[in-house]
Structures are given as structure tokens and as C-alpha cells.
Amino acid sequence: MASVAQWHASPRRGASMITDSGTGEVRVPLSLFHLDQHQGDVDLVLSRAEAAELQELLSVLTAGRPVSVAAAR
């Protein structure tokens, strides 16, 4: 069995995130890879709160501070 450390996910090329205004779900299309070999595609499904929390964490990790998506537009 392959080690989890050899797997990664990347945003699916040419695909856009989808939001459902009724449920608040955010779907992030991902491609899964084992080493560098494509293994399949999945959607990461997040609640609105989970998506906001992930966005804040990623902005801290990349920019060193929280960045509002609404303010960036």
C-alpha cells in the first residue's frame, strides 16, 4: 500500500469552485495524484463556515496575515 505522504491534491485545471446559495456549500474541484501520476478527480465539499476558516488559514500561511476575499475584489 502506498504511503499517504506520496499522495497530494491540486486544484483541477480548468475547473472553478462552485457555491450553492441554498445550502451554503462550497465545492472545490481537485485532482488526486500519487507521486506525479493522476489517480482521479474529487470535489472537496465544505460548509460556508469551513470554507471561510480555510480561506483565513491559507491567507495567514501565504500572506502572513488574514486577507478578506471580499476586500480583495
Protein backbone atom coordinates (compact mmCIF):
# COMPACT_ATOMS: atom_id res chain seq x y z
CA MET A 1 0.00 0.00 0.00
CA ALA A 2 1.23 3.49 -0.85
CA SER A 3 2.20 5.88 1.91
CA VAL A 4 -0.14 8.84 2.36
CA ALA A 5 2.95 11.05 2.19
CA GLN A 6 3.23 10.16 -1.50
CA TRP A 7 -0.26 11.49 -2.29
CA HIS A 8 -1.29 15.07 -2.97
CA ALA A 9 -4.23 17.03 -4.33
CA SER A 10 -4.17 20.03 -6.63
CA PRO A 11 -6.93 22.27 -7.92
CA ARG A 12 -8.40 20.67 -11.04
CA ARG A 13 -7.22 22.54 -14.15
CA GLY A 14 -9.89 24.47 -15.94
CA ALA A 15 -12.46 23.90 -13.17
CA SER A 16 -13.99 26.56 -10.96
CA MET A 17 -15.22 26.41 -7.41
CA ILE A 18 -18.97 26.18 -7.11
CA THR A 19 -21.13 27.62 -4.35
CA ASP A 20 -24.68 26.58 -3.54
CA SER A 21 -26.58 29.61 -2.28
CA GLY A 22 -29.28 27.38 -0.80
CA THR A 23 -27.08 25.14 1.37
CA GLY A 24 -24.01 27.36 1.62
CA GLU A 25 -21.79 24.51 0.42
CA VAL A 26 -18.60 25.32 -1.42
CA ARG A 27 -17.26 22.66 -3.81
CA VAL A 28 -13.58 22.77 -4.71
CA PRO A 29 -12.72 20.51 -7.68
CA LEU A 30 -9.45 18.64 -7.02
CA SER A 31 -7.24 16.22 -8.90
CA LEU A 32 -5.58 13.49 -6.84
CA PHE A 33 -2.04 12.33 -7.54
CA HIS A 34 0.15 9.50 -6.26
CA LEU A 35 3.63 10.90 -6.69
CA ASP A 36 3.07 12.67 -10.02
CA GLN A 37 0.59 10.21 -11.56
CA HIS A 38 -3.02 11.34 -11.83
CA GLN A 39 -5.29 8.97 -9.90
CA GLY A 40 -8.67 10.66 -10.27
CA ASP A 41 -10.78 13.69 -9.54
CA VAL A 42 -12.87 14.53 -6.47
CA ASP A 43 -14.70 17.51 -5.05
CA LEU A 44 -13.77 18.87 -1.63
CA VAL A 45 -17.14 19.88 -0.15
CA LEU A 46 -17.06 22.49 2.62
CA SER A 47 -19.73 24.31 4.57
CA ARG A 48 -19.69 28.09 4.26
CA ALA A 49 -18.06 28.34 7.72
CA GLU A 50 -15.42 25.72 6.86
CA ALA A 51 -14.60 27.50 3.58
CA ALA A 52 -14.20 30.83 5.40
CA GLU A 53 -11.97 29.23 8.04
CA LEU A 54 -9.82 27.54 5.37
CA GLN A 55 -9.52 30.80 3.42
CA GLU A 56 -8.40 32.64 6.55
CA LEU A 57 -5.84 29.97 7.44
CA LEU A 58 -4.44 29.91 3.90
CA SER A 59 -4.17 33.70 3.82
CA VAL A 60 -2.22 33.66 7.10
CA LEU A 61 0.09 30.96 5.75
CA THR A 62 0.67 32.72 2.41
CA ALA A 63 0.46 36.42 3.30
CA GLY A 64 1.33 36.28 6.98
CA ARG A 65 -1.98 37.89 7.91
CA PRO A 66 -5.70 37.34 7.38
CA VAL A 67 -6.90 38.65 4.00
CA SER A 68 -10.59 39.11 3.27
CA VAL A 69 -11.71 37.69 -0.08
CA ALA A 70 -14.38 40.40 -0.30
CA ALA A 71 -11.79 43.13 0.28
CA ALA A 72 -9.52 41.70 -2.43
CA ARG A 73 -12.17 42.11 -5.14
